[in-house]
Protein backbone atom coordinates (compact mmCIF):
# COMPACT_ATOMS: atom_id res chain seq x y z
CA UNK A 1 -24.89 -12.38 -26.42
CA UNK A 2 -22.95 -13.17 -23.23
CA UNK A 3 -21.07 -15.92 -25.06
CA UNK A 4 -20.44 -13.73 -28.11
CA UNK A 5 -18.88 -10.94 -26.04
CA UNK A 6 -16.92 -13.53 -24.04
CA UNK A 7 -15.51 -15.02 -27.26
CA UNK A 8 -14.51 -11.57 -28.53
CA UNK A 9 -12.42 -10.80 -25.43
CA UNK A 10 -11.25 -14.36 -24.87
CA UNK A 11 -9.87 -14.59 -28.41
CA UNK A 12 -7.11 -12.18 -27.33
CA UNK A 13 -5.75 -14.93 -25.06
CA UNK A 14 -3.19 -17.42 -26.33
CA UNK A 15 -2.33 -15.24 -29.34
CA UNK A 16 1.18 -14.33 -28.20
CA UNK A 17 3.22 -14.44 -25.01
CA UNK A 18 3.43 -10.68 -24.53
CA UNK A 19 -0.33 -10.13 -24.75
CA UNK A 20 -0.92 -13.10 -22.42
CA UNK A 21 1.52 -11.58 -19.92
CA UNK A 22 -0.32 -8.25 -20.06
CA UNK A 23 -3.69 -9.96 -19.51
CA UNK A 24 -2.33 -11.95 -16.57
CA UNK A 25 -0.75 -8.82 -15.08
CA UNK A 26 -4.07 -6.96 -15.33
CA UNK A 27 -6.02 -9.80 -13.70
CA UNK A 28 -3.66 -10.08 -10.75
CA UNK A 29 -0.82 -7.66 -9.98
CA UNK A 30 -2.43 -4.51 -11.37
CA UNK A 31 -5.16 -4.71 -8.73
CA UNK A 32 -2.56 -4.70 -5.96
CA UNK A 33 -0.80 -1.72 -7.50
CA UNK A 34 -4.08 0.22 -7.61
CA UNK A 35 -4.90 -0.55 -3.97
CA UNK A 36 -1.45 0.29 -2.61
CA UNK A 37 -1.22 3.45 -4.73
CA UNK A 38 -4.56 4.61 -3.36
CA UNK A 39 -3.48 3.95 0.22
CA UNK A 40 -0.26 5.92 -0.30
CA UNK A 41 -2.14 8.79 -1.95
CA UNK A 42 -4.78 9.00 0.75
CA UNK A 43 -2.24 8.92 3.58
CA UNK A 44 -0.05 11.59 1.98
CA UNK A 45 -2.71 13.85 0.48
CA UNK A 46 -2.67 17.44 1.77
CA UNK A 47 -6.18 17.35 3.31
CA UNK A 48 -5.11 15.24 6.27
CA UNK A 49 -8.15 16.01 8.43
CA UNK A 50 -10.44 14.29 5.90
CA UNK A 51 -8.10 11.48 4.88
CA UNK A 52 -9.02 9.02 7.62
CA UNK A 53 -12.74 9.40 6.92
CA UNK A 54 -12.13 9.18 3.16
CA UNK A 55 -10.01 6.05 3.58
CA UNK A 56 -12.68 4.54 5.81
CA UNK A 57 -15.51 5.24 3.35
CA UNK A 58 -13.61 4.18 0.23
CA UNK A 59 -12.24 0.93 1.59
CA UNK A 60 -15.33 0.09 3.63
CA UNK A 61 -17.49 0.42 0.52
CA UNK A 62 -15.10 -1.78 -1.49
CA UNK A 63 -14.85 -4.39 1.27
CA UNK A 64 -18.62 -4.41 1.86
CA UNK A 65 -19.21 -4.76 -1.90
CA UNK A 66 -16.81 -7.71 -2.04
CA UNK A 67 -18.62 -9.38 0.91
CA UNK A 68 -21.98 -8.88 -0.82
CA UNK A 69 -20.56 -10.43 -4.01
CA UNK A 70 -19.29 -13.40 -1.98
CA UNK A 71 -22.72 -13.81 -0.36
CA UNK A 72 -24.41 -13.86 -3.77
CA UNK A 73 -21.91 -16.47 -4.95
CA UNK A 74 -22.73 -18.59 -1.92
CA UNK A 75 -26.43 -18.68 -2.79
CA UNK A 76 -26.21 -18.63 -6.58
CA UNK A 77 -23.94 -21.11 -8.35
CA UNK A 78 -22.66 -20.00 -11.72
CA UNK A 79 -20.04 -21.99 -13.63
CA UNK A 80 -17.04 -20.24 -15.10
CA UNK A 81 -16.66 -20.07 -18.89
CA UNK A 82 -13.94 -22.72 -18.96
CA UNK A 83 -16.35 -25.15 -17.28
CA UNK A 84 -18.98 -24.66 -19.96
CA UNK A 85 -17.05 -23.98 -23.16
CA UNK A 86 -14.52 -26.40 -24.54
CA UNK A 87 -13.17 -23.58 -26.69
CA UNK A 88 -12.38 -21.19 -23.83
CA UNK A 89 -8.78 -19.99 -23.76
CA UNK A 90 -7.69 -20.13 -20.13
CA UNK A 91 -4.44 -18.38 -19.22
CA UNK A 92 -4.04 -19.83 -15.73
CA UNK A 93 -5.70 -22.31 -13.43
CA UNK A 94 -8.60 -21.01 -11.41
CA UNK A 95 -11.14 -22.54 -9.07
CA UNK A 96 -14.32 -23.71 -10.78
CA UNK A 97 -17.75 -22.28 -10.00
CA UNK A 98 -18.20 -19.07 -8.09
CA UNK A 99 -18.34 -16.92 -11.21
CA UNK A 100 -21.30 -14.59 -10.64
CA UNK A 101 -20.80 -11.74 -9.86
CA UNK A 102 -17.12 -10.97 -10.26
CA UNK A 103 -15.66 -10.09 -6.87
CA UNK A 104 -12.86 -8.12 -8.53
CA UNK A 105 -15.27 -6.07 -10.64
CA UNK A 106 -17.50 -5.45 -7.63
CA UNK A 107 -14.60 -4.45 -5.35
CA UNK A 108 -12.92 -2.11 -7.84
CA UNK A 109 -16.18 -0.56 -9.02
CA UNK A 110 -17.10 0.30 -5.41
CA UNK A 111 -13.58 1.59 -4.78
CA UNK A 112 -13.56 3.75 -7.92
CA UNK A 113 -17.09 5.04 -7.37
CA UNK A 114 -16.59 6.06 -3.75
CA UNK A 115 -13.15 7.53 -4.56
CA UNK A 116 -14.75 9.58 -7.35
CA UNK A 117 -16.76 11.61 -4.85
CA UNK A 118 -13.56 12.73 -3.08
CA UNK A 119 -11.09 13.12 -5.95
CA UNK A 120 -12.90 13.24 -9.30
CA UNK A 121 -9.89 13.56 -11.60
CA UNK A 122 -7.69 10.96 -9.96
CA UNK A 123 -10.61 8.56 -9.63
CA UNK A 124 -10.74 8.24 -13.42
CA UNK A 125 -7.52 6.23 -13.19
CA UNK A 126 -9.37 3.81 -10.91
CA UNK A 127 -12.44 3.72 -13.14
CA UNK A 128 -10.24 2.84 -16.13
CA UNK A 129 -8.36 0.38 -13.90
CA UNK A 130 -11.63 -1.34 -12.95
CA UNK A 131 -12.57 -1.58 -16.63
CA UNK A 132 -9.17 -3.07 -17.52
CA UNK A 133 -9.36 -5.59 -14.68
CA UNK A 134 -12.84 -6.68 -15.76
CA UNK A 135 -11.94 -7.00 -19.44
CA UNK A 136 -8.77 -8.92 -18.60
CA UNK A 137 -10.71 -11.41 -16.48
CA UNK A 138 -12.96 -12.12 -19.46
CA UNK A 139 -9.94 -12.37 -21.78
CA UNK A 140 -8.24 -14.77 -19.32
CA UNK A 141 -11.26 -17.07 -19.58
CA UNK A 142 -12.36 -16.93 -15.94
CA UNK A 143 -15.45 -14.68 -16.11
CA UNK A 144 -18.45 -14.11 -18.31
CA UNK A 145 -19.22 -10.53 -19.37
CA UNK A 146 -22.43 -10.57 -17.30
CA UNK A 147 -20.35 -11.43 -14.20
CA UNK A 148 -18.29 -8.31 -14.79
CA UNK A 149 -21.22 -6.03 -15.67
CA UNK A 150 -23.25 -7.05 -12.62
CA UNK A 151 -20.12 -6.62 -10.48
CA UNK A 152 -19.68 -3.10 -11.87
CA UNK A 153 -23.32 -2.22 -11.18
CA UNK A 154 -23.31 -3.72 -7.69
CA UNK A 155 -20.03 -2.05 -6.77
CA UNK A 156 -21.09 1.29 -8.23
CA UNK A 157 -24.34 1.29 -6.28
CA UNK A 158 -22.66 0.27 -3.03
CA UNK A 159 -19.84 2.80 -3.51
CA UNK A 160 -22.40 5.55 -4.04
CA UNK A 161 -24.48 4.45 -1.04
CA UNK A 162 -21.39 4.38 1.19
CA UNK A 163 -20.50 7.91 0.15
CA UNK A 164 -24.06 9.14 0.76
CA UNK A 165 -24.22 7.41 4.14
CA UNK A 166 -20.94 8.86 5.43
CA UNK A 167 -20.83 12.29 3.80
CA UNK A 168 -20.88 15.31 6.04
C-alpha cells in the first residue's frame, strides 16, 4: 500500500513544468514562508504578554520534534523511494537514506499542533501547509507516505505534549 500511494502522488511529477515548479516550491520555499510568517505574526500579535511564551512553546516543540526525527533516522536506516524504485520520478537531487520519518512532516506537524492551541483559526493554515509539504515531498520522489504519516503523528504528539507541559 505504501508503494501504491507513493506512485499515486509521484505520478504528478514530471508531467509539466508548472506542476513540477509548484511541487518544488512546496517542498522547499513554502516551509520558509510559513516559519517566517509565524514569527512575524507572533511578534506583532496584540497579546504581547503571552507572545514570548507562545513562541517558545511552538518553536521548541517543532525543534524538539525535528531532533527526535533525526535521532530515529540515526538508529533506523530507511532508503528513499528513488533508491528502491527505478520508476520513481525525482524532481531534484537529494541525499540517499535517512527517509524515515520525514523531518519536515515532523517539524511542521509539531509546529501546527502547538500553534493550534494558541490560535485555532490561523493554525489551520499551518495544518494545511504541513499537509501540502508532506504531499509534495512524496510527489517529488524523496519520501514514502509512511515517512510522512509517522512524521505527522510524531510531530502532533510532541506538539500536544509541549503545549500541555508549558500551559498555565
